[in-house]
Protein backbone atom coordinates (compact mmCIF):
# COMPACT_ATOMS: atom_id res chain seq x y z
CA MET A 1 69.53 -88.70 49.78
CA ILE A 2 69.42 -89.01 53.04
CA GLU A 3 70.34 -92.72 53.63
CA LYS A 4 73.34 -92.09 52.18
CA LEU A 5 74.02 -89.70 55.01
CA ASN A 6 75.56 -90.48 58.51
CA ASN A 7 77.03 -87.08 59.60
CA THR A 8 77.24 -83.91 58.82
CA ASN A 9 80.82 -84.36 56.75
CA ASP A 10 79.20 -86.59 54.64
CA LEU A 11 76.38 -84.11 53.76
CA LEU A 12 78.97 -81.17 53.39
CA GLN A 13 81.08 -83.91 50.68
CA MET A 14 77.84 -84.24 48.80
CA MET A 15 77.13 -80.91 48.96
CA PHE A 16 80.51 -79.20 47.34
CA ASN A 17 82.20 -82.62 46.24
CA SER A 18 84.79 -82.43 49.53
CA GLY A 19 85.60 -78.89 48.52
CA ARG A 20 85.33 -76.16 50.65
CA VAL A 21 83.40 -73.28 49.42
CA ARG A 22 83.82 -69.57 50.33
CA LEU A 23 81.20 -66.81 49.57
CA GLU A 24 83.88 -63.73 49.00
CA LEU A 25 82.95 -59.84 48.49
CA ASN A 26 85.09 -57.14 48.10
CA GLY A 27 84.11 -53.68 47.40
CA LEU A 28 84.58 -49.72 47.63
CA ARG A 29 82.05 -46.75 48.60
CA ALA A 30 83.18 -42.72 49.01
CA PHE A 31 81.32 -41.16 52.15
CA GLY A 32 80.41 -37.51 52.12
CA PRO A 33 81.46 -35.92 55.43
CA SER A 34 80.70 -38.14 58.12
CA LEU A 35 82.22 -39.44 61.27
CA LEU A 36 81.27 -43.70 60.85
CA ASN A 37 83.05 -45.10 64.02
CA ARG A 38 84.55 -43.56 66.63
CA ASP A 39 87.78 -45.09 69.16
CA GLU A 40 87.70 -44.13 73.29
CA ASN A 41 88.39 -40.73 72.85
CA GLY A 42 85.24 -40.04 70.44
CA ASP A 43 87.74 -39.18 67.36
CA ALA A 44 87.35 -41.63 64.28
CA LYS A 45 89.33 -44.58 64.48
CA LYS A 46 92.70 -44.82 62.11
CA VAL A 47 94.94 -47.51 61.01
CA ASN A 48 98.61 -46.89 59.68
CA VAL A 49 98.43 -48.68 55.95
CA GLY A 50 102.01 -48.60 54.36
CA CYS A 51 103.14 -46.93 57.33
CA ILE A 52 100.23 -44.20 56.57
CA PRO A 53 97.60 -43.49 58.70
CA ARG A 54 94.18 -43.72 57.27
CA THR A 55 90.88 -43.62 58.28
CA ALA A 56 89.22 -47.11 60.12
CA ILE A 57 85.78 -48.92 60.35
CA SER A 58 85.83 -51.95 62.22
CA SER A 59 84.94 -55.05 61.79
CA GLN A 60 82.54 -55.39 64.85
CA CYS A 61 80.77 -51.65 63.92
CA ARG A 62 80.23 -53.23 59.93
CA LYS A 63 78.71 -56.49 61.46
CA SER A 64 76.77 -54.70 64.34
CA ALA A 65 75.30 -52.84 61.36
CA ILE A 66 74.45 -55.54 59.07
CA ARG A 67 73.25 -58.16 61.76
CA ASN A 68 70.47 -55.33 62.89
CA GLU A 69 69.60 -54.06 59.09
CA CYS A 70 68.03 -57.75 59.07
CA ILE A 71 64.51 -58.33 58.81
CA GLU A 72 64.50 -60.03 62.10
CA VAL A 73 67.13 -59.52 64.47
CA GLN A 74 67.17 -62.97 65.73
CA SER A 75 69.42 -62.74 68.55
CA ALA A 76 70.75 -60.23 71.08
CA LEU A 77 74.19 -59.10 73.20
CA SER A 78 73.09 -58.14 76.62
CA ARG A 79 73.83 -58.53 79.92
CA ARG A 80 70.13 -58.76 80.91
CA ALA A 81 69.87 -62.62 79.88
CA PRO A 82 68.56 -63.03 83.49
CA GLU A 83 65.69 -61.13 82.84
CA ILE A 84 65.20 -61.56 79.49
CA ILE A 85 64.42 -65.35 79.93
CA THR A 86 62.54 -64.61 83.74
CA ALA A 87 60.03 -62.14 81.18
CA TYR A 88 59.53 -65.29 79.48
CA ILE A 89 58.29 -67.58 81.75
CA CYS A 90 56.24 -65.23 83.15
CA ASP A 91 54.76 -64.46 79.55
CA HIS A 92 54.41 -68.14 78.33
CA TYR A 93 53.56 -69.58 81.91
CA GLY A 94 51.03 -67.08 83.16
CA VAL A 95 53.66 -65.84 86.58
CA ASP A 96 52.23 -62.81 87.52
CA ARG A 97 55.20 -60.15 86.94
CA LYS A 98 53.64 -58.24 90.42
CA ASN A 99 54.48 -61.78 92.68
CA GLU A 100 58.20 -60.18 93.17
CA GLU A 101 58.99 -63.06 95.58
CA LEU A 102 58.35 -65.60 92.57
CA VAL A 103 60.29 -63.10 90.19
CA LYS A 104 63.45 -63.21 91.93
CA PHE A 105 63.24 -66.53 92.75
CA TYR A 106 63.24 -67.20 88.73
CA LEU A 107 65.90 -64.58 88.30
CA THR A 108 68.27 -66.17 90.89
CA LEU A 109 68.21 -69.32 88.92
CA CYS A 110 68.86 -67.62 85.60
CA TYR A 111 71.57 -65.17 87.05
CA SER A 112 73.04 -68.43 89.13
CA LEU A 113 73.07 -70.89 85.12
CA LEU A 114 74.56 -67.82 83.40
CA THR A 115 77.18 -66.97 86.03
CA GLU A 116 78.23 -69.65 88.42
CA LYS A 117 81.37 -71.82 87.39
CA GLU A 118 80.81 -75.66 86.70
CA LYS A 119 81.69 -77.16 90.03
CA GLU A 120 79.87 -74.99 92.22
CA LEU A 121 76.70 -75.40 89.66
CA ALA A 122 77.04 -79.76 90.04
CA GLN A 123 77.37 -78.90 93.52
CA GLY A 124 74.04 -77.03 94.02
CA LYS A 125 75.21 -73.57 94.84
CA LEU A 126 73.32 -70.01 93.49
CA SER A 127 74.63 -66.86 93.33
CA ILE A 128 72.21 -63.81 93.99
CA PRO A 129 73.84 -60.04 93.01
CA SER A 130 74.07 -56.90 96.03
CA LYS A 131 70.90 -54.99 95.93
CA ASP A 132 72.99 -52.29 95.60
CA SER A 133 75.50 -52.32 93.25
CA ASN A 134 73.71 -54.45 90.37
CA PRO A 135 69.61 -54.39 91.17
CA ASN A 136 69.06 -55.23 87.86
CA TRP A 137 70.37 -59.20 87.58
CA LEU A 138 72.96 -57.90 85.29
CA ILE A 139 75.77 -60.70 84.28
CA ASP A 140 79.40 -59.86 84.04
CA THR A 141 79.67 -60.25 80.91
CA PRO A 142 77.11 -59.63 77.30
CA VAL A 143 75.93 -62.91 75.98
CA ARG A 144 74.48 -63.25 72.53
CA ILE A 145 71.29 -65.15 73.54
CA CYS A 146 68.83 -65.64 70.81
CA ALA A 147 65.37 -67.05 70.61
CA ALA A 148 65.99 -70.84 71.14
CA ASP A 149 68.30 -70.57 74.01
CA VAL A 150 65.13 -68.36 76.09
CA LYS A 151 63.15 -71.30 75.56
CA ARG A 152 64.76 -73.84 76.27
CA ILE A 153 66.37 -72.64 79.23
CA ALA A 154 62.79 -71.26 80.80
CA ASP A 155 61.29 -74.57 79.45
CA SER A 156 64.20 -76.34 81.43
CA ILE A 157 63.57 -74.17 84.49
CA ARG A 158 59.44 -74.86 84.54
CA LYS A 159 59.98 -78.41 84.01
CA TYR A 160 61.83 -78.39 87.44
CA PHE A 161 60.62 -75.14 89.22
CA SER A 162 56.83 -74.60 88.79
CA THR A 163 55.08 -72.33 90.46
CA ASP A 164 52.54 -74.45 92.58
CA ALA A 165 55.68 -76.28 94.19
CA ASP A 166 57.37 -75.40 97.65
CA PHE A 167 60.91 -74.44 97.10
CA GLY A 168 62.22 -73.89 100.25
CA LYS A 169 64.54 -70.78 101.16
CA ILE A 170 67.58 -69.51 99.64
CA GLU A 171 69.79 -69.05 102.62
CA GLU A 172 73.39 -67.54 102.44
CA LYS A 173 76.45 -70.16 103.27
CA LYS A 174 79.67 -69.83 104.38
CA SER A 175 82.49 -69.33 101.59
CA ASP A 176 85.96 -69.37 101.74
CA ASP A 177 86.15 -66.51 99.27
CA GLU A 178 85.09 -63.28 101.18
CA LYS A 179 84.55 -61.53 98.87
CA LYS A 180 81.63 -63.84 97.20
CA LYS A 181 78.63 -65.07 98.79
CA SER A 182 77.61 -68.06 98.15
CA TYR A 183 73.77 -69.25 98.40
CA GLU A 184 71.66 -72.69 98.63
CA PHE A 185 68.14 -74.01 98.43
CA THR A 186 67.24 -75.44 102.40
CA LYS A 187 65.47 -78.25 100.91
CA GLU A 188 67.41 -81.14 100.02
CA GLU A 189 64.95 -81.64 97.12
CA SER A 190 65.00 -78.20 95.41
CA LYS A 191 68.63 -78.34 95.47
CA GLU A 192 68.91 -81.73 93.94
CA SER A 193 66.31 -80.51 91.02
CA PHE A 194 68.29 -77.79 90.84
CA VAL A 195 71.60 -79.94 89.62
CA LYS A 196 69.18 -81.96 87.73
CA LEU A 197 68.48 -78.95 86.02
CA TYR A 198 72.10 -77.88 85.51
CA LYS A 199 72.92 -81.22 84.28
CA GLU A 200 69.75 -81.58 81.48
CA LEU A 201 70.95 -77.86 80.11
CA LYS A 202 74.55 -78.83 80.02
CA ALA A 203 73.84 -82.00 78.07
CA ALA A 204 71.07 -79.92 75.56
CA ILE A 205 73.74 -77.57 74.20
CA ALA A 206 75.54 -79.68 71.52
CA SER A 207 71.95 -81.57 70.78
CA TYR A 208 70.28 -78.69 69.03
CA ALA A 209 69.85 -76.03 66.80
CA VAL A 210 70.16 -72.08 67.29
CA GLU A 211 69.34 -69.36 64.69
CA TYR A 212 71.24 -69.14 62.06
CA ASP A 213 72.82 -65.65 62.85
CA VAL A 214 74.56 -67.14 65.50
CA CYS A 215 75.66 -69.97 63.76
CA LEU A 216 76.97 -67.63 60.86
CA PHE A 217 78.29 -65.07 62.78
CA GLY A 218 79.10 -66.89 65.68
CA ARG A 219 78.97 -66.71 69.59
CA MET A 220 81.52 -66.59 72.52
CA ALA A 221 79.64 -67.83 75.33
CA THR A 222 81.47 -68.04 79.47
CA SER A 223 78.76 -70.24 80.64
CA THR A 224 78.07 -74.06 79.99
CA ILE A 225 74.51 -73.72 79.81
CA VAL A 226 75.51 -71.77 76.27
CA LYS A 227 77.23 -73.00 73.24
CA SER A 228 79.66 -71.08 72.07
CA TYR A 229 80.04 -71.25 67.84
CA ASP A 230 83.02 -70.36 66.00
CA SER A 231 82.31 -67.96 63.64
CA ALA A 232 81.60 -68.36 59.82
CA ALA A 233 82.21 -64.99 59.19
CA ASN A 234 85.47 -62.89 58.13
CA PHE A 235 85.31 -59.30 57.81
CA ASN A 236 88.26 -56.92 57.43
CA GLU A 237 88.58 -53.22 58.82
CA ALA A 238 87.86 -50.88 56.07
CA TYR A 239 90.17 -48.42 55.71
CA SER A 240 90.15 -44.97 53.70
CA THR A 241 92.04 -45.78 49.80
CA THR A 242 93.68 -41.96 50.73
CA PRO A 243 95.53 -40.67 53.80
CA CYS A 244 94.11 -39.61 56.50
CA CYS A 245 92.21 -35.65 56.65
CA PHE A 246 90.07 -34.62 58.83
CA ASP A 247 88.03 -31.53 59.87
CA SER A 248 87.20 -30.52 63.00
CA ASP A 249 83.46 -30.56 63.74
CA PHE A 250 82.61 -27.04 65.95
CA PHE A 251 79.65 -26.78 67.00
CA THR A 252 77.52 -24.57 69.34
CA THR A 253 73.89 -23.95 70.57
CA ARG A 254 72.06 -20.72 70.90
CA ASP A 255 69.56 -19.88 73.82
CA THR A 256 65.90 -20.04 71.50
CA LEU A 257 64.24 -18.34 74.42
CA TYR A 258 65.88 -15.05 74.23
CA ASP A 259 63.85 -12.42 71.99
CA SER A 260 60.75 -13.68 73.96
CA ALA A 261 62.43 -13.50 77.66
CA SER A 262 63.41 -9.83 76.38
CA VAL A 263 60.03 -8.43 76.72
CA LEU A 264 59.71 -9.11 79.97
CA PHE A 265 63.15 -7.58 81.27
CA SER A 266 64.20 -4.07 81.01
CA GLU A 267 68.24 -5.58 82.20
CA LEU A 268 68.68 -8.17 80.25
CA ASP A 269 72.06 -9.41 79.88
CA THR A 270 72.45 -8.98 75.79
CA ALA A 271 74.30 -12.13 75.38
CA THR A 272 72.34 -14.39 73.11
CA GLY A 273 73.37 -17.23 75.02
CA SER A 274 75.25 -19.14 71.92
CA GLY A 275 78.17 -20.88 73.47
CA HIS A 276 80.52 -23.74 72.07
CA MET A 277 79.75 -27.36 73.10
CA ASN A 278 82.10 -29.79 71.51
CA SER A 279 84.08 -30.51 68.36
CA ARG A 280 84.41 -33.89 66.82
CA ASP A 281 86.64 -34.88 63.65
CA ILE A 282 84.95 -35.20 60.57
CA THR A 283 85.78 -36.66 57.21
CA ALA A 284 84.77 -37.97 53.51
CA ASP A 285 87.07 -40.87 52.37
CA THR A 286 86.33 -43.86 49.99
CA PHE A 287 86.37 -46.99 51.89
CA TYR A 288 87.29 -50.33 50.76
CA TRP A 289 86.22 -53.38 52.32
CA TYR A 290 85.99 -57.18 52.61
CA SER A 291 83.55 -59.94 53.55
CA ASN A 292 83.89 -63.44 53.46
CA TYR A 293 81.55 -66.27 54.75
CA ASN A 294 82.93 -69.92 54.78
CA LEU A 295 79.77 -72.42 53.60
CA ASN A 296 81.62 -75.30 55.27
CA ALA A 297 81.94 -73.41 58.46
CA TYR A 298 77.90 -71.86 58.36
CA ILE A 299 76.31 -75.94 56.74
CA GLU A 300 78.67 -77.44 60.13
CA ASN A 301 76.99 -74.96 62.75
CA ILE A 302 73.28 -75.31 61.92
CA MET A 303 73.57 -79.05 61.27
CA ILE A 304 74.28 -78.98 64.88
CA GLY A 305 71.41 -81.88 66.78
CA PHE A 306 70.03 -83.38 63.29
CA ASP A 307 69.32 -86.87 63.53
CA TYR A 308 71.16 -88.25 60.97
CA SER A 309 69.86 -91.93 62.27
CA ASP A 310 65.89 -91.34 60.83
CA LYS A 311 65.91 -92.36 57.09
CA SER A 312 62.39 -91.26 56.76
CA LYS A 313 61.71 -88.88 54.29
CA GLU A 314 59.70 -86.61 56.37
CA ASN A 315 63.43 -86.16 57.78
CA GLU A 316 65.12 -85.42 54.61
CA GLU A 317 62.34 -82.99 53.71
CA ALA A 318 63.74 -81.27 57.10
CA LEU A 319 67.43 -81.61 56.27
CA LYS A 320 66.47 -79.82 53.28
CA MET A 321 64.09 -77.26 54.48
CA ARG A 322 66.72 -76.41 57.66
CA ILE A 323 69.51 -75.63 54.64
CA ARG A 324 67.16 -73.93 52.33
CA GLU A 325 66.63 -71.55 55.39
CA ALA A 326 70.27 -71.18 56.25
CA PHE A 327 71.08 -70.31 52.93
CA ASP A 328 68.08 -67.62 52.67
CA TYR A 329 69.34 -66.17 55.59
CA LEU A 330 73.18 -65.95 54.13
CA ILE A 331 71.51 -64.16 50.95
CA GLU A 332 69.75 -61.70 53.42
CA VAL A 333 72.97 -60.84 54.67
CA THR A 334 74.93 -60.98 51.69
CA GLU A 335 72.43 -57.72 50.38
CA LYS A 336 73.17 -56.20 53.40
CA THR A 337 76.95 -56.52 53.26
CA ILE A 338 76.39 -54.55 50.47
CA THR A 339 73.83 -51.86 51.14
CA THR A 340 74.35 -51.65 55.14
CA VAL A 341 76.36 -48.53 55.89
CA PRO A 342 77.22 -48.03 59.72
CA THR A 343 74.32 -45.75 61.49
CA THR A 344 76.63 -43.79 63.73
CA MET A 345 75.80 -40.03 63.71
CA GLN A 346 74.12 -40.70 60.88
CA HIS A 347 71.43 -38.62 62.22
CA GLN A 348 73.96 -34.98 62.37
CA MET A 349 76.09 -36.64 59.49
CA ALA A 350 73.89 -38.89 56.92
CA SER A 351 75.89 -40.36 54.44
CA SER A 352 74.28 -43.44 53.18
CA PRO A 353 76.00 -43.95 49.01
CA ASP A 354 75.48 -46.69 47.25
CA PRO A 355 79.34 -49.01 46.42
CA ALA A 356 81.15 -47.57 43.87
CA ILE A 357 81.68 -50.94 42.76
CA VAL A 358 81.13 -54.67 44.21
CA HIS A 359 82.96 -58.05 42.67
CA VAL A 360 80.82 -60.96 44.64
CA ALA A 361 82.17 -64.47 43.93
CA VAL A 362 81.33 -67.90 45.12
CA LYS A 363 84.95 -70.14 45.15
CA LYS A 364 85.36 -73.69 45.64
CA ASN A 365 89.64 -75.22 47.05
CA SER A 366 90.28 -70.86 47.21
CA GLN A 367 92.28 -69.00 48.94
CA PRO A 368 90.39 -66.12 50.45
CA LYS A 369 91.35 -62.96 48.96
CA THR A 370 91.33 -59.83 50.12
CA MET A 371 92.19 -55.96 47.36
CA ASP A 372 95.10 -54.71 49.53
CA PHE A 373 97.41 -54.84 47.78
CA ALA A 374 95.49 -52.32 45.40
CA PHE A 375 96.29 -50.10 48.28
CA ALA A 376 98.75 -50.26 49.94
CA GLU A 377 100.35 -47.14 48.03
CA PRO A 378 97.45 -44.77 48.95
CA VAL A 379 95.28 -43.27 46.80
CA TYR A 380 95.40 -39.41 45.23
CA ALA A 381 93.22 -37.12 42.90
CA LYS A 382 95.69 -36.00 39.25
CA ASP A 383 95.40 -35.33 36.56
CA GLY A 384 91.72 -34.65 36.36
CA VAL A 385 90.82 -38.34 37.85
CA SER A 386 89.53 -38.52 41.20
CA VAL A 387 90.12 -39.99 44.30
CA LEU A 388 87.46 -42.84 43.56
CA ASP A 389 87.78 -43.31 40.12
CA GLU A 390 91.67 -43.84 40.99
CA SER A 391 90.49 -46.00 43.32
CA VAL A 392 87.93 -48.09 40.81
CA ASN A 393 90.93 -48.68 38.75
CA ARG A 394 92.95 -50.33 41.28
CA PHE A 395 90.29 -52.24 42.33
CA VAL A 396 89.19 -53.99 39.29
CA GLU A 397 93.31 -54.53 38.22
CA GLU A 398 93.68 -56.51 41.30
CA ALA A 399 90.26 -58.02 40.91
CA CYS A 400 91.03 -59.57 37.60
CA ASP A 401 94.69 -60.83 38.47
CA ASN A 402 94.32 -64.04 39.35
CA THR A 403 98.07 -65.33 39.39
CA PHE A 404 97.60 -67.00 42.86
CA GLU A 405 94.66 -68.58 42.50
CA THR A 406 94.02 -71.51 42.81
CA GLY A 407 90.61 -72.80 43.02
CA GLU A 408 87.44 -72.18 40.78
CA PHE A 409 84.77 -70.12 40.36
CA MET A 410 81.46 -70.94 41.70
CA MET A 411 79.64 -67.87 40.41
CA GLU A 412 81.55 -64.31 40.41
CA CYS A 413 79.57 -61.18 39.95
CA TRP A 414 80.26 -57.55 39.23
CA LEU A 415 78.05 -54.84 40.14
CA SER A 416 78.81 -50.72 40.70
CA LYS A 417 77.14 -47.95 39.66
CA ALA A 418 76.40 -47.35 35.44
CA LYS A 419 79.88 -45.00 35.47
CA TYR A 420 82.09 -47.71 35.93
CA ALA A 421 81.08 -50.24 33.26
CA ASN A 422 83.32 -49.97 30.93
CA GLU A 423 85.96 -50.32 33.23
CA ILE A 424 84.85 -53.91 34.57
CA LYS A 425 83.97 -55.02 30.89
CA ASN A 426 87.22 -53.79 29.31
CA ALA A 427 89.25 -55.59 32.32
CA ALA A 428 87.39 -58.68 33.52
CA GLY A 429 84.89 -59.74 29.91
CA ALA A 430 82.03 -59.05 32.34
CA GLU A 431 78.79 -57.43 32.76
CA ARG A 432 77.53 -55.96 35.38
CA THR A 433 74.64 -56.82 37.03
CA ASN A 434 72.05 -55.38 39.63
CA LEU A 435 71.39 -56.47 43.64
CA HIS A 436 68.41 -58.50 42.05
CA GLY A 437 70.41 -60.21 39.54
CA LEU A 438 73.17 -61.13 41.68
CA ILE A 439 70.45 -62.46 44.67
CA SER A 440 68.49 -64.85 41.81
CA GLU A 441 72.14 -65.56 40.76
CA LEU A 442 73.66 -66.30 44.12
CA LYS A 443 70.55 -68.85 44.85
CA ARG A 444 70.93 -70.74 42.53
CA VAL A 445 73.98 -71.42 43.20
CA LEU A 446 73.22 -72.43 46.40
CA TYR A 447 70.08 -73.95 45.95
CA GLU A 448 72.29 -76.45 43.68
CA THR A 449 73.98 -77.82 46.28
CA ILE A 450 71.30 -79.59 47.48
CA ASP A 451 69.20 -79.90 44.88
CA CYS A 452 66.60 -77.71 47.13
């Protein structure tokens, strides 16, 4: 197989017959009283759909919950990247964390590499944050950093700056910008080593593959030594099929020590200490949600850095293994997309219901299709039909309307509560499956593309 491949485009043509393939999920879930996603004021998020306010759950809220639910959280969004990389150097290279001078030196290198502009780094200039305003070496913009990034940067730093070398001192240099302080090595050899380190890290960002969650969900990086990735995942802003209808959760607290304290004092204030603490929105809604995963973009991301010039059997197996592992992660994400709910306020307003219905399809050369048409008009309970039941009826009807479908289905599965089995069978002519059945079928379809 590999002898026919010269680049990732050849691989995609072989896997998908020159087509563009998407894994698409649409679903409905009815929550109990809860506050799933909040705005800047702490109120429930809202969005207008058809000029009617609906309760909303942001795409970021859903993606964060899904990524955190995966068995191995493979990356983290943090401003503490300098600390994370320095800790790796200490732990893997035997650097004593109590050696404040050496730890600060490595923090300076990491902080500079992640925050300085390309021009300054190429000149060997360094950055040191203010001890008063930024004692924890936090970078201004959070970066999604994964284990491969940490190891790559840490190993390169150690290559040029080991603990037994004399680096000289770092001193402040005058700058045209009075608001920004600039620092440089006093020893020219150290300055040259830092420039080489930066150039090596910059050149290497396009020659290695990162963890699969970054390849799937993408990453925007402001640093020149951390690669940005276009996302292969697309999420809608989930919204309620009904108009907004919030209640106010008014809650108080009570002095639980009142009774025991009353035996000590003859003139105790008779007030028990109960008092208003706060109030917040609370609502129970049926939400429509959508996700799709672009397999072509995902494969392009994961194959970055792969050596197609090596035609050996071992390299062919390495290619298959990389794609198989990527598909395994995608299947896990698909499962979590269906099962995971936002974590907000779950400790006080727990609601984690099964989806009422989910439609899953792998489609080739097809435009993405959301079910928004079904809910452009809000759903109301009427004639003994609940909001959820009417929402499911509209959902199934819209899913089965293929008037504008241009591509082909490589796989189509329905999952639902038992109550809606007949709706699926009557409208779509399909039998519903369960989650295990979906995972098995999805794995078969994906693995066949690479003959794994």
